[in-house]
Every structure is written in C-alpha cells, then in structure tokens.
Amino acid sequence: MHRMWLPLLLFVFLCGISRSTFGVPNQQLSFNRVEKGQSIKYDYRWYDHNNKLRHITFEIDKQAIAKLPRNQANYKPALIQSKIRRDLTRLAKGVDPRKARINLQQIGNDLDVSIRSDNPQLINLLHTEFQNQKQLTYDLYLKQHYFEKFTSSSGANGVKADHIRYIQEFTPVFKEIAEQFYELLGDEKSVRNYIDLLLSWAQSIPYSTLTGRGESNGAGFLPPIRLLDANMGDCDSKSVLFAALLRNYLPQAKFQFIILPKHALLGIKTSEQPSDFTVENNGARLVIMEPTGPAPFGFGEAAESSKTMIQRGLATFQVIP
C-alpha cells in the first residue's frame, strides 16, 4: 500500500558555522542589484581569504531565468492527498460497476482503495492500476514543485528540495559569471585558487536561517536566483549556488553534494594537498568545500562540527552529474 513520504527537511540546516575569532576575510563590503532593461546587474565587494579586496560585477539575462523557479514551494501533504483523490476518483468512474465496485477511504495520510468483485484477477489488476496512479500523481507533484524523495543517514525517509535538479538547471545560466570569476584571478589562475575565490565570495554573502526554515516544509531553501536577489542564504542554498557556478569551470569534475543532519557542503575529486580534509564515498576520495560561511574556510578546510559528523558516518551523498 502506498505511503506518502513525510517531509524531512528534518535535516533542514542550522548551519551558520563560526570560528572563535573572525578577521577581515569574507567580509562583504557592499552589494548592489539593479534591473536594467532585459537584464539584472549584480555588484559585489568583499575581502577574500587573504584579506585581498575583491570586486565583481555581472549580469543575468531575464529571459534566461524566466522559466526557472524563484521560490521553493512548501511541501503540502493535504494538497497531495487532494490530487490523489481527484485522480483515483476519475479512475474509479471508468470502472464498470457491474464488474467491480470501488470505495475510496481516507485513513491517516493514505487514501485506501477497496475493490469488490467476483473476479479475483480483475481485483488484482485494478489494485495494481490504482496503486500505479497514486504513485504517478505523487511523483508528478514532487517533480512540479522541485522536491525529491530522500533517505537520511539514519535511514529516515522523507522529501527535500531537489538540489541536484536546481544545480543542473541553473548551471547554463551562470556560465558567463563563472568565467568572470576566472578572469578575476589574473595571473594566479589555478583550480585551487578558483575554488578559494568562489568560496570566499559565497561565504561573504550574509547567512540567514529565514522564516519557516525549521518547519520541515521546504520554506527555508532559496533557489539560486532568489539567493542572489535577497543577498542571503543558508547552507543548502549557498551550496547549490556554488555548485552551479563550479560546474561551469570544471564540467568534467566528479563532485558530490554532502548532506549532514544540520548542514550541507560539497566534495570534489581532484588533486589534494596533505592538509586537505577529505572523505571517501563509493571509491571516490573527495576534498571538502564549505560554501556557507561566514567563517573563511578555504578549499580543503572544514568546520570541526562537519568533520565530526562525517567521521561518525552521518553524511548522505548525492552525485552531481
């Protein structure tokens, strides 16, 4: 019998990581957003990990983001049940009452389907058809609202924002922006320097838990364009934005989204240094990246809380295609 997965934004993240002391690194000095015709212009000034003043300006074409989501919908079990009842009622009306009688009954979070018929084979066939329709309606709801089923490291089942889909859909939009970050490095272009620069920028964006974040319904996640407009975000929102930019610079790299009970970060398979904090998953050795901030963690550095949870086996990994 179909059981709807309960909303698990239980790992929804309280992820304002901090160090005991803060210096100038990752301090955002200014942010400006201006709409100009068919584009939106963003301007940032911040200090990178080396206390170097950085400045970048980029534009996003409005048409390029017109069909992409600006908000993450709330997970609404009552709405899902309403849609399932609608579709099963329609299906039941198509069954010849002389051959079988269908009764729909709400039991808790599930809609029970009772079938009476003198034909056992028809009962089995109809049960399968109704179960398939319930699953189809549920899956369609998840897809339409950018949710996906999720199993945490503890084995709890639920749903969460579809981070990987957001990364894939926003990556093409950020191609020119990723190139501008690369050019900002001047004569110091390298993979490590690029990642460090991008990390310092993401970490400098103000951190916010946002209203509703602890309600386990998806309200706390900000899609990349909304994060840029609001100039604030939490750990999963910043990690998605960071990953969409990084995928443009390293299109063939193997990297993964790492979900912890109250945090989110990223790992990438690349050449590492002895001081790098790494984690292994399915044979891939990943160097850690912490985009959240405000602490100035460079490439290969991680908060002690992140290290502890990873070492305790509390991480769930998602490969980023």
C-alpha atoms as a PDB file:
ATOM      1  CA  MET A   1       0.000   0.000   0.000  1.00  0.00           C
ATOM      2  CA  HIS A   2       1.263   3.432  -0.931  1.00  0.00           C
ATOM      3  CA  ARG A   3       2.533   5.523   1.980  1.00  0.00           C
ATOM      4  CA  MET A   4       3.368   9.137   1.288  1.00  0.00           C
ATOM      5  CA  TRP A   5       6.867  10.096   2.393  1.00  0.00           C
ATOM      6  CA  LEU A   6       6.705  12.597   5.210  1.00  0.00           C
ATOM      7  CA  PRO A   7       8.513  15.915   4.757  1.00  0.00           C
ATOM      8  CA  LEU A   8      12.059  15.513   6.007  1.00  0.00           C
ATOM      9  CA  LEU A   9      13.524  18.880   5.720  1.00  0.00           C
ATOM     10  CA  LEU A  10      14.374  17.383   9.263  1.00  0.00           C
ATOM     11  CA  PHE A  11      17.912  17.891   8.346  1.00  0.00           C
ATOM     12  CA  VAL A  12      16.981  21.457   7.442  1.00  0.00           C
ATOM     13  CA  PHE A  13      20.049  23.154   8.284  1.00  0.00           C
ATOM     14  CA  LEU A  14      21.022  25.364  11.170  1.00  0.00           C
ATOM     15  CA  CYS A  15      24.328  25.985   9.541  1.00  0.00           C
ATOM     16  CA  GLY A  16      25.849  29.290  10.465  1.00  0.00           C
ATOM     17  CA  ILE A  17      29.307  27.853  11.080  1.00  0.00           C
ATOM     18  CA  SER A  18      31.632  30.059  13.064  1.00  0.00           C
ATOM     19  CA  ARG A  19      35.163  30.182  14.359  1.00  0.00           C
ATOM     20  CA  SER A  20      36.227  31.524  17.709  1.00  0.00           C
ATOM     21  CA  THR A  21      37.643  34.621  16.093  1.00  0.00           C
ATOM     22  CA  PHE A  22      36.953  36.412  12.823  1.00  0.00           C
ATOM     23  CA  GLY A  23      39.215  38.608  10.826  1.00  0.00           C
ATOM     24  CA  VAL A  24      38.547  40.651   7.741  1.00  0.00           C
ATOM     25  CA  PRO A  25      38.341  37.649   5.339  1.00  0.00           C
ATOM     26  CA  ASN A  26      34.940  37.059   3.769  1.00  0.00           C
ATOM     27  CA  GLN A  27      33.547  40.379   4.906  1.00  0.00           C
ATOM     28  CA  GLN A  28      31.068  41.627   2.320  1.00  0.00           C
ATOM     29  CA  LEU A  29      31.688  45.351   1.972  1.00  0.00           C
ATOM     30  CA  SER A  30      28.913  46.140  -0.476  1.00  0.00           C
ATOM     31  CA  PHE A  31      26.173  44.595  -2.573  1.00  0.00           C
ATOM     32  CA  ASN A  32      24.071  46.228  -5.235  1.00  0.00           C
ATOM     33  CA  ARG A  33      21.350  44.883  -7.508  1.00  0.00           C
ATOM     34  CA  VAL A  34      19.960  46.943 -10.381  1.00  0.00           C
ATOM     35  CA  GLU A  35      17.457  45.969 -13.057  1.00  0.00           C
ATOM     36  CA  LYS A  36      18.414  47.428 -16.414  1.00  0.00           C
ATOM     37  CA  GLY A  37      16.187  46.641 -19.349  1.00  0.00           C
ATOM     38  CA  GLN A  38      16.270  42.912 -20.066  1.00  0.00           C
ATOM     39  CA  SER A  39      18.991  42.095 -17.537  1.00  0.00           C
ATOM     40  CA  ILE A  40      19.757  42.274 -13.831  1.00  0.00           C
ATOM     41  CA  LYS A  41      23.116  43.645 -12.723  1.00  0.00           C
ATOM     42  CA  TYR A  42      24.798  42.456  -9.518  1.00  0.00           C
ATOM     43  CA  ASP A  43      27.780  44.161  -7.920  1.00  0.00           C
ATOM     44  CA  TYR A  44      29.859  42.790  -5.011  1.00  0.00           C
ATOM     45  CA  ARG A  45      32.850  43.961  -2.988  1.00  0.00           C
ATOM     46  CA  TRP A  46      34.371  41.670  -0.368  1.00  0.00           C
ATOM     47  CA  TYR A  47      37.658  40.539   1.164  1.00  0.00           C
ATOM     48  CA  ASP A  48      38.885  37.099   0.133  1.00  0.00           C
ATOM     49  CA  HIS A  49      40.704  34.567   2.354  1.00  0.00           C
ATOM     50  CA  ASN A  50      43.950  36.529   2.003  1.00  0.00           C
ATOM     51  CA  ASN A  51      42.353  39.829   3.042  1.00  0.00           C
ATOM     52  CA  LYS A  52      42.539  40.984  -0.578  1.00  0.00           C
ATOM     53  CA  LEU A  53      39.796  43.334  -1.688  1.00  0.00           C
ATOM     54  CA  ARG A  54      37.754  41.749  -4.477  1.00  0.00           C
ATOM     55  CA  HIS A  55      35.203  43.324  -6.777  1.00  0.00           C
ATOM     56  CA  ILE A  56      32.998  41.633  -9.344  1.00  0.00           C
ATOM     57  CA  THR A  57      30.071  42.801 -11.448  1.00  0.00           C
ATOM     58  CA  PHE A  58      27.954  40.509 -13.574  1.00  0.00           C
ATOM     59  CA  GLU A  59      24.611  40.498 -15.343  1.00  0.00           C
ATOM     60  CA  ILE A  60      21.927  37.859 -15.779  1.00  0.00           C
ATOM     61  CA  ASP A  61      19.545  37.946 -18.707  1.00  0.00           C
ATOM     62  CA  LYS A  62      15.928  37.986 -17.520  1.00  0.00           C
ATOM     63  CA  GLN A  63      14.820  35.761 -20.358  1.00  0.00           C
ATOM     64  CA  ALA A  64      17.379  33.114 -19.357  1.00  0.00           C
ATOM     65  CA  ILE A  65      15.763  32.742 -15.937  1.00  0.00           C
ATOM     66  CA  ALA A  66      12.147  33.391 -16.912  1.00  0.00           C
ATOM     67  CA  LYS A  67      11.129  29.725 -16.641  1.00  0.00           C
ATOM     68  CA  LEU A  68      13.344  28.801 -13.714  1.00  0.00           C
ATOM     69  CA  PRO A  69      11.907  28.729 -10.173  1.00  0.00           C
ATOM     70  CA  ARG A  70      12.431  31.746  -7.943  1.00  0.00           C
ATOM     71  CA  ASN A  71      10.860  30.142  -4.883  1.00  0.00           C
ATOM     72  CA  GLN A  72      10.827  26.680  -3.363  1.00  0.00           C
ATOM     73  CA  ALA A  73       7.270  25.525  -2.784  1.00  0.00           C
ATOM     74  CA  ASN A  74       6.167  24.309   0.631  1.00  0.00           C
ATOM     75  CA  TYR A  75       5.536  20.591   0.944  1.00  0.00           C
ATOM     76  CA  LYS A  76       1.767  20.202   1.451  1.00  0.00           C
ATOM     77  CA  PRO A  77       0.546  16.677   2.267  1.00  0.00           C
ATOM     78  CA  ALA A  78      -3.108  17.826   2.229  1.00  0.00           C
ATOM     79  CA  LEU A  79      -2.727  19.137  -1.316  1.00  0.00           C
ATOM     80  CA  ILE A  80      -1.078  15.895  -2.420  1.00  0.00           C
ATOM     81  CA  GLN A  81      -3.942  13.853  -0.947  1.00  0.00           C
ATOM     82  CA  SER A  82      -6.432  16.085  -2.733  1.00  0.00           C
ATOM     83  CA  LYS A  83      -4.694  15.474  -6.059  1.00  0.00           C
ATOM     84  CA  ILE A  84      -4.508  11.726  -5.440  1.00  0.00           C
ATOM     85  CA  ARG A  85      -8.212  11.580  -4.530  1.00  0.00           C
ATOM     86  CA  ARG A  86      -9.097  13.527  -7.684  1.00  0.00           C
ATOM     87  CA  ASP A  87      -7.145  11.164  -9.926  1.00  0.00           C
ATOM     88  CA  LEU A  88      -8.347   7.985  -8.212  1.00  0.00           C
ATOM     89  CA  THR A  89     -11.957   9.194  -8.343  1.00  0.00           C
ATOM     90  CA  ARG A  90     -11.582   9.772 -12.056  1.00  0.00           C
ATOM     91  CA  LEU A  91     -10.098   6.303 -12.429  1.00  0.00           C
ATOM     92  CA  ALA A  92     -12.895   4.722 -10.366  1.00  0.00           C
ATOM     93  CA  LYS A  93     -15.552   6.322 -12.557  1.00  0.00           C
ATOM     94  CA  GLY A  94     -14.075   4.489 -15.531  1.00  0.00           C
ATOM     95  CA  VAL A  95     -14.651   1.065 -13.935  1.00  0.00           C
ATOM     96  CA  ASP A  96     -17.823  -0.758 -14.979  1.00  0.00           C
ATOM     97  CA  PRO A  97     -19.875  -1.047 -11.725  1.00  0.00           C
ATOM     98  CA  ARG A  98     -21.308  -4.341 -12.978  1.00  0.00           C
ATOM     99  CA  LYS A  99     -17.821  -5.847 -12.850  1.00  0.00           C
ATOM    100  CA  ALA A 100     -16.317  -4.184  -9.782  1.00  0.00           C
ATOM    101  CA  ARG A 101     -17.202  -1.680  -7.077  1.00  0.00           C
ATOM    102  CA  ILE A 102     -14.594   0.807  -5.890  1.00  0.00           C
ATOM    103  CA  ASN A 103     -14.595   2.502  -2.497  1.00  0.00           C
ATOM    104  CA  LEU A 104     -12.096   5.240  -1.572  1.00  0.00           C
ATOM    105  CA  GLN A 105     -11.484   5.912   2.127  1.00  0.00           C
ATOM    106  CA  GLN A 106      -9.037   8.296   3.791  1.00  0.00           C
ATOM    107  CA  ILE A 107      -7.021   6.533   6.500  1.00  0.00           C
ATOM    108  CA  GLY A 108      -4.473   8.809   8.141  1.00  0.00           C
ATOM    109  CA  ASN A 109      -2.084  10.102   5.474  1.00  0.00           C
ATOM    110  CA  ASP A 110      -3.127   7.458   2.964  1.00  0.00           C
ATOM    111  CA  LEU A 111      -6.105   7.006   0.664  1.00  0.00           C
ATOM    112  CA  ASP A 112      -7.252   3.390   0.894  1.00  0.00           C
ATOM    113  CA  VAL A 113      -8.758   1.710  -2.156  1.00  0.00           C
ATOM    114  CA  SER A 114     -11.244  -1.089  -1.517  1.00  0.00           C
ATOM    115  CA  ILE A 115     -12.288  -3.222  -4.507  1.00  0.00           C
ATOM    116  CA  ARG A 116     -15.131  -5.749  -4.571  1.00  0.00           C
ATOM    117  CA  SER A 117     -15.655  -8.100  -7.477  1.00  0.00           C
ATOM    118  CA  ASP A 118     -16.467 -11.727  -8.240  1.00  0.00           C
ATOM    119  CA  ASN A 119     -13.369 -11.799 -10.460  1.00  0.00           C
ATOM    120  CA  PRO A 120     -10.128 -12.202  -8.400  1.00  0.00           C
ATOM    121  CA  GLN A 121      -7.957 -11.454 -11.426  1.00  0.00           C
ATOM    122  CA  LEU A 122      -9.824  -8.202 -12.038  1.00  0.00           C
ATOM    123  CA  ILE A 123      -9.355  -7.220  -8.371  1.00  0.00           C
ATOM    124  CA  ASN A 124      -5.594  -7.744  -8.648  1.00  0.00           C
ATOM    125  CA  LEU A 125      -5.475  -5.846 -11.933  1.00  0.00           C
ATOM    126  CA  LEU A 126      -7.422  -2.896 -10.537  1.00  0.00           C
ATOM    127  CA  HIS A 127      -5.366  -2.805  -7.326  1.00  0.00           C
ATOM    128  CA  THR A 128      -2.212  -2.512  -9.438  1.00  0.00           C
ATOM    129  CA  GLU A 129      -3.766   0.182 -11.618  1.00  0.00           C
ATOM    130  CA  PHE A 130      -4.864   2.273  -8.639  1.00  0.00           C
ATOM    131  CA  GLN A 131      -1.510   1.896  -6.878  1.00  0.00           C
ATOM    132  CA  ASN A 132       0.313   2.958 -10.039  1.00  0.00           C
ATOM    133  CA  GLN A 133      -1.924   6.021 -10.363  1.00  0.00           C
ATOM    134  CA  LYS A 134      -1.293   7.016  -6.734  1.00  0.00           C
ATOM    135  CA  GLN A 135       2.448   6.796  -7.289  1.00  0.00           C
ATOM    136  CA  LEU A 136       2.254   8.656 -10.599  1.00  0.00           C
ATOM    137  CA  THR A 137       0.263  11.523  -9.048  1.00  0.00           C
ATOM    138  CA  TYR A 138       2.664  11.735  -6.101  1.00  0.00           C
ATOM    139  CA  ASP A 139       5.777  11.680  -8.281  1.00  0.00           C
ATOM    140  CA  LEU A 140       4.305  14.348 -10.551  1.00  0.00           C
ATOM    141  CA  TYR A 141       3.673  16.596  -7.543  1.00  0.00           C
ATOM    142  CA  LEU A 142       7.292  16.207  -6.434  1.00  0.00           C
ATOM    143  CA  LYS A 143       8.598  16.996  -9.910  1.00  0.00           C
ATOM    144  CA  GLN A 144       6.358  20.020 -10.434  1.00  0.00           C
ATOM    145  CA  HIS A 145       7.428  21.521  -7.102  1.00  0.00           C
ATOM    146  CA  TYR A 146      11.149  20.640  -7.209  1.00  0.00           C
ATOM    147  CA  PHE A 147      11.045  18.035  -4.451  1.00  0.00           C
ATOM    148  CA  GLU A 148      12.630  14.605  -4.332  1.00  0.00           C
ATOM    149  CA  LYS A 149      12.413  11.587  -2.047  1.00  0.00           C
ATOM    150  CA  PHE A 150      15.299  11.364   0.369  1.00  0.00           C
ATOM    151  CA  THR A 151      16.705   8.866   2.852  1.00  0.00           C
ATOM    152  CA  SER A 152      18.875  10.325   5.608  1.00  0.00           C
ATOM    153  CA  SER A 153      21.994   8.696   7.040  1.00  0.00           C
ATOM    154  CA  SER A 154      19.841   7.383   9.895  1.00  0.00           C
ATOM    155  CA  GLY A 155      17.501   5.662   7.434  1.00  0.00           C
ATOM    156  CA  ALA A 156      14.587   8.087   7.866  1.00  0.00           C
ATOM    157  CA  ASN A 157      12.519   8.583   4.714  1.00  0.00           C
ATOM    158  CA  GLY A 158      11.223  11.968   3.637  1.00  0.00           C
ATOM    159  CA  VAL A 159      11.374  14.619   0.959  1.00  0.00           C
ATOM    160  CA  LYS A 160      13.632  17.599   0.379  1.00  0.00           C
ATOM    161  CA  ALA A 161      14.293  20.258  -2.217  1.00  0.00           C
ATOM    162  CA  ASP A 162      15.752  18.689  -5.372  1.00  0.00           C
ATOM    163  CA  HIS A 163      19.219  20.224  -5.023  1.00  0.00           C
ATOM    164  CA  ILE A 164      20.713  18.342  -7.968  1.00  0.00           C
ATOM    165  CA  ARG A 165      17.983  19.484 -10.336  1.00  0.00           C
ATOM    166  CA  TYR A 166      18.472  23.096  -9.256  1.00  0.00           C
ATOM    167  CA  ILE A 167      22.212  22.776  -9.915  1.00  0.00           C
ATOM    168  CA  GLN A 168      21.659  21.280 -13.369  1.00  0.00           C
ATOM    169  CA  GLU A 169      19.087  23.859 -14.453  1.00  0.00           C
ATOM    170  CA  PHE A 170      20.975  26.916 -13.219  1.00  0.00           C
ATOM    171  CA  THR A 171      24.430  25.866 -14.441  1.00  0.00           C
ATOM    172  CA  PRO A 172      23.933  27.138 -18.037  1.00  0.00           C
ATOM    173  CA  VAL A 173      22.648  30.486 -16.731  1.00  0.00           C
ATOM    174  CA  PHE A 174      25.844  31.004 -14.741  1.00  0.00           C
ATOM    175  CA  LYS A 175      28.351  30.191 -17.494  1.00  0.00           C
ATOM    176  CA  GLU A 176      29.475  33.777 -18.121  1.00  0.00           C
ATOM    177  CA  ILE A 177      29.528  34.545 -14.393  1.00  0.00           C
ATOM    178  CA  ALA A 178      31.829  31.582 -13.764  1.00  0.00           C
ATOM    179  CA  GLU A 179      34.139  32.900 -16.499  1.00  0.00           C
ATOM    180  CA  GLN A 180      34.235  36.334 -14.859  1.00  0.00           C
ATOM    181  CA  PHE A 181      35.371  34.809 -11.571  1.00  0.00           C
ATOM    182  CA  TYR A 182      38.120  33.041 -13.505  1.00  0.00           C
ATOM    183  CA  GLU A 183      39.297  36.270 -15.127  1.00  0.00           C
ATOM    184  CA  LEU A 184      39.306  37.950 -11.723  1.00  0.00           C
ATOM    185  CA  LEU A 185      42.265  35.731 -10.761  1.00  0.00           C
ATOM    186  CA  GLY A 186      44.554  37.458 -13.252  1.00  0.00           C
ATOM    187  CA  ASP A 187      47.959  35.747 -13.283  1.00  0.00           C
ATOM    188  CA  GLU A 188      47.069  33.471 -10.382  1.00  0.00           C
ATOM    189  CA  LYS A 189      44.761  31.124 -12.300  1.00  0.00           C
ATOM    190  CA  SER A 190      44.582  27.567 -10.944  1.00  0.00           C
ATOM    191  CA  VAL A 191      41.895  25.157  -9.811  1.00  0.00           C
ATOM    192  CA  ARG A 192      42.644  25.718  -6.141  1.00  0.00           C
ATOM    193  CA  ASN A 193      42.751  29.496  -6.465  1.00  0.00           C
ATOM    194  CA  TYR A 194      39.493  29.498  -8.393  1.00  0.00           C
ATOM    195  CA  ILE A 195      37.709  27.390  -5.793  1.00  0.00           C
ATOM    196  CA  ASP A 196      39.123  29.517  -2.963  1.00  0.00           C
ATOM    197  CA  LEU A 197      37.940  32.708  -4.660  1.00  0.00           C
ATOM    198  CA  LEU A 198      34.473  31.310  -5.263  1.00  0.00           C
ATOM    199  CA  LEU A 199      34.295  30.037  -1.678  1.00  0.00           C
ATOM    200  CA  SER A 200      35.267  33.432  -0.268  1.00  0.00           C
ATOM    201  CA  TRP A 201      32.543  35.140  -2.316  1.00  0.00           C
ATOM    202  CA  ALA A 202      29.842  32.622  -1.311  1.00  0.00           C
ATOM    203  CA  GLN A 203      30.900  32.773   2.339  1.00  0.00           C
ATOM    204  CA  SER A 204      30.727  36.568   2.301  1.00  0.00           C
ATOM    205  CA  ILE A 205      27.041  36.518   1.346  1.00  0.00           C
ATOM    206  CA  PRO A 206      25.111  37.065   4.602  1.00  0.00           C
ATOM    207  CA  TYR A 207      23.827  33.938   6.300  1.00  0.00           C
ATOM    208  CA  SER A 208      20.171  33.658   7.194  1.00  0.00           C
ATOM    209  CA  THR A 209      18.006  30.861   8.551  1.00  0.00           C
ATOM    210  CA  LEU A 210      14.929  32.523   7.014  1.00  0.00           C
ATOM    211  CA  THR A 211      11.354  32.402   8.288  1.00  0.00           C
ATOM    212  CA  GLY A 212       9.862  28.925   8.297  1.00  0.00           C
ATOM    213  CA  ARG A 213      13.168  27.131   7.936  1.00  0.00           C
ATOM    214  CA  GLY A 214      12.522  24.874  10.927  1.00  0.00           C
ATOM    215  CA  GLU A 215       9.030  23.875   9.863  1.00  0.00           C
ATOM    216  CA  SER A 216      10.253  20.990   7.720  1.00  0.00           C
ATOM    217  CA  ASN A 217       8.235  22.032   4.662  1.00  0.00           C
ATOM    218  CA  GLY A 218      10.791  23.442   2.220  1.00  0.00           C
ATOM    219  CA  ALA A 219      10.259  27.087   3.097  1.00  0.00           C
ATOM    220  CA  GLY A 220      13.887  27.747   4.035  1.00  0.00           C
ATOM    221  CA  PHE A 221      15.546  26.831   0.749  1.00  0.00           C
ATOM    222  CA  LEU A 222      16.246  29.634  -1.728  1.00  0.00           C
ATOM    223  CA  PRO A 223      16.775  28.796  -5.413  1.00  0.00           C
ATOM    224  CA  PRO A 224      19.982  30.387  -6.780  1.00  0.00           C
ATOM    225  CA  ILE A 225      18.381  33.418  -8.403  1.00  0.00           C
ATOM    226  CA  ARG A 226      16.355  34.186  -5.265  1.00  0.00           C
ATOM    227  CA  LEU A 227      19.502  33.884  -3.152  1.00  0.00           C
ATOM    228  CA  LEU A 228      21.288  36.400  -5.386  1.00  0.00           C
ATOM    229  CA  ASP A 229      18.357  38.813  -5.248  1.00  0.00           C
ATOM    230  CA  ALA A 230      17.988  38.548  -1.467  1.00  0.00           C
ATOM    231  CA  ASN A 231      21.776  38.551  -0.901  1.00  0.00           C
ATOM    232  CA  MET A 232      21.404  35.951   1.834  1.00  0.00           C
ATOM    233  CA  GLY A 233      21.072  32.215   2.173  1.00  0.00           C
ATOM    234  CA  ASP A 234      21.594  29.150   4.316  1.00  0.00           C
ATOM    235  CA  CYS A 235      23.936  26.215   3.793  1.00  0.00           C
ATOM    236  CA  ASP A 236      21.955  24.194   1.258  1.00  0.00           C
ATOM    237  CA  SER A 237      21.028  27.308  -0.748  1.00  0.00           C
ATOM    238  CA  LYS A 238      24.629  28.528  -0.869  1.00  0.00           C
ATOM    239  CA  SER A 239      25.946  25.064  -1.723  1.00  0.00           C
ATOM    240  CA  VAL A 240      23.570  24.793  -4.690  1.00  0.00           C
ATOM    241  CA  LEU A 241      24.577  28.239  -5.980  1.00  0.00           C
ATOM    242  CA  PHE A 242      28.274  27.428  -5.522  1.00  0.00           C
ATOM    243  CA  ALA A 243      27.940  24.062  -7.285  1.00  0.00           C
ATOM    244  CA  ALA A 244      26.136  25.570 -10.287  1.00  0.00           C
ATOM    245  CA  LEU A 245      28.993  28.048 -10.753  1.00  0.00           C
ATOM    246  CA  LEU A 246      31.740  25.488 -10.180  1.00  0.00           C
ATOM    247  CA  ARG A 247      30.239  23.008 -12.659  1.00  0.00           C
ATOM    248  CA  ASN A 248      30.825  25.583 -15.410  1.00  0.00           C
ATOM    249  CA  TYR A 249      34.517  25.889 -14.538  1.00  0.00           C
ATOM    250  CA  LEU A 250      35.025  22.137 -14.050  1.00  0.00           C
ATOM    251  CA  PRO A 251      32.465  20.483 -16.368  1.00  0.00           C
ATOM    252  CA  GLN A 252      34.095  17.024 -16.176  1.00  0.00           C
ATOM    253  CA  ALA A 253      34.967  17.004 -12.478  1.00  0.00           C
ATOM    254  CA  LYS A 254      33.388  14.481 -10.140  1.00  0.00           C
ATOM    255  CA  PHE A 255      31.850  16.214  -7.184  1.00  0.00           C
ATOM    256  CA  GLN A 256      29.071  15.494  -4.742  1.00  0.00           C
ATOM    257  CA  PHE A 257      26.519  17.205  -2.544  1.00  0.00           C
ATOM    258  CA  ILE A 258      27.042  16.200   1.093  1.00  0.00           C
ATOM    259  CA  ILE A 259      24.087  16.373   3.475  1.00  0.00           C
ATOM    260  CA  LEU A 260      24.664  16.292   7.228  1.00  0.00           C
ATOM    261  CA  PRO A 261      21.948  16.319   9.931  1.00  0.00           C
ATOM    262  CA  LYS A 262      22.055  20.123  10.257  1.00  0.00           C
ATOM    263  CA  HIS A 263      24.336  21.191   7.468  1.00  0.00           C
ATOM    264  CA  ALA A 264      25.214  20.857   3.775  1.00  0.00           C
ATOM    265  CA  LEU A 265      28.532  21.139   1.948  1.00  0.00           C
ATOM    266  CA  LEU A 266      30.345  19.759  -1.105  1.00  0.00           C
ATOM    267  CA  GLY A 267      33.185  17.443  -2.010  1.00  0.00           C
ATOM    268  CA  ILE A 268      35.211  17.173  -5.211  1.00  0.00           C
ATOM    269  CA  LYS A 269      37.558  14.543  -6.600  1.00  0.00           C
ATOM    270  CA  THR A 270      40.771  16.349  -7.521  1.00  0.00           C
ATOM    271  CA  SER A 271      44.456  16.521  -6.635  1.00  0.00           C
ATOM    272  CA  GLU A 272      44.809  17.091  -2.924  1.00  0.00           C
ATOM    273  CA  GLN A 273      47.319  18.533  -0.503  1.00  0.00           C
ATOM    274  CA  PRO A 274      48.401  16.867   2.759  1.00  0.00           C
ATOM    275  CA  SER A 275      46.446  19.372   4.830  1.00  0.00           C
ATOM    276  CA  ASP A 276      43.165  18.862   2.951  1.00  0.00           C
ATOM    277  CA  PHE A 277      40.251  17.320   4.785  1.00  0.00           C
ATOM    278  CA  THR A 278      38.868  14.527   2.610  1.00  0.00           C
ATOM    279  CA  VAL A 279      36.056  11.988   2.739  1.00  0.00           C
ATOM    280  CA  GLU A 280      35.567   8.786   0.756  1.00  0.00           C
ATOM    281  CA  ASN A 281      32.318   7.686  -0.851  1.00  0.00           C
ATOM    282  CA  ASN A 282      31.875   4.777  -3.260  1.00  0.00           C
ATOM    283  CA  GLY A 283      35.570   4.712  -4.043  1.00  0.00           C
ATOM    284  CA  ALA A 284      35.832   8.447  -4.666  1.00  0.00           C
ATOM    285  CA  ARG A 285      38.112  10.482  -2.407  1.00  0.00           C
ATOM    286  CA  LEU A 286      36.614  13.955  -2.109  1.00  0.00           C
ATOM    287  CA  VAL A 287      38.208  17.208  -0.971  1.00  0.00           C
ATOM    288  CA  ILE A 288      35.771  19.195   1.141  1.00  0.00           C
ATOM    289  CA  MET A 289      34.357  22.626   0.249  1.00  0.00           C
ATOM    290  CA  GLU A 290      32.355  24.692   2.803  1.00  0.00           C
ATOM    291  CA  PRO A 291      30.472  27.488   0.955  1.00  0.00           C
ATOM    292  CA  THR A 292      28.255  28.554   3.859  1.00  0.00           C
ATOM    293  CA  GLY A 293      30.409  30.919   5.889  1.00  0.00           C
ATOM    294  CA  PRO A 294      30.766  33.316   7.477  1.00  0.00           C
ATOM    295  CA  ALA A 295      33.935  31.550   8.638  1.00  0.00           C
ATOM    296  CA  PRO A 296      36.655  31.792   5.946  1.00  0.00           C
ATOM    297  CA  PHE A 297      37.228  28.097   5.244  1.00  0.00           C
ATOM    298  CA  GLY A 298      39.452  27.614   2.217  1.00  0.00           C
ATOM    299  CA  PHE A 299      39.459  24.708  -0.205  1.00  0.00           C
ATOM    300  CA  GLY A 300      40.052  21.502   1.785  1.00  0.00           C
ATOM    301  CA  GLU A 301      39.107  23.102   5.120  1.00  0.00           C
ATOM    302  CA  ALA A 302      36.025  22.186   7.125  1.00  0.00           C
ATOM    303  CA  ALA A 303      34.372  23.126  10.386  1.00  0.00           C
ATOM    304  CA  GLU A 304      35.113  20.779  13.284  1.00  0.00           C
ATOM    305  CA  SER A 305      31.394  20.035  13.531  1.00  0.00           C
ATOM    306  CA  SER A 306      31.363  18.959   9.870  1.00  0.00           C
ATOM    307  CA  LYS A 307      34.418  16.754  10.349  1.00  0.00           C
ATOM    308  CA  THR A 308      32.907  15.097  13.401  1.00  0.00           C
ATOM    309  CA  MET A 309      29.616  14.298  11.709  1.00  0.00           C
ATOM    310  CA  ILE A 310      31.320  12.964   8.583  1.00  0.00           C
ATOM    311  CA  GLN A 311      33.665  10.800  10.637  1.00  0.00           C
ATOM    312  CA  ARG A 312      30.678   9.438  12.581  1.00  0.00           C
ATOM    313  CA  GLY A 313      29.076   8.312   9.321  1.00  0.00           C
ATOM    314  CA  LEU A 314      26.264  10.877   9.418  1.00  0.00           C
ATOM    315  CA  ALA A 315      26.760  12.084   5.841  1.00  0.00           C
ATOM    316  CA  THR A 316      24.464  11.354   2.913  1.00  0.00           C
ATOM    317  CA  PHE A 317      25.986  11.823  -0.551  1.00  0.00           C
ATOM    318  CA  GLN A 318      24.429  12.845  -3.846  1.00  0.00           C
ATOM    319  CA  VAL A 319      26.483  12.721  -7.045  1.00  0.00           C
ATOM    320  CA  ILE A 320      26.254  15.934  -9.081  1.00  0.00           C
ATOM    321  CA  PRO A 321      26.067  14.932 -12.781  1.00  0.00           C
END
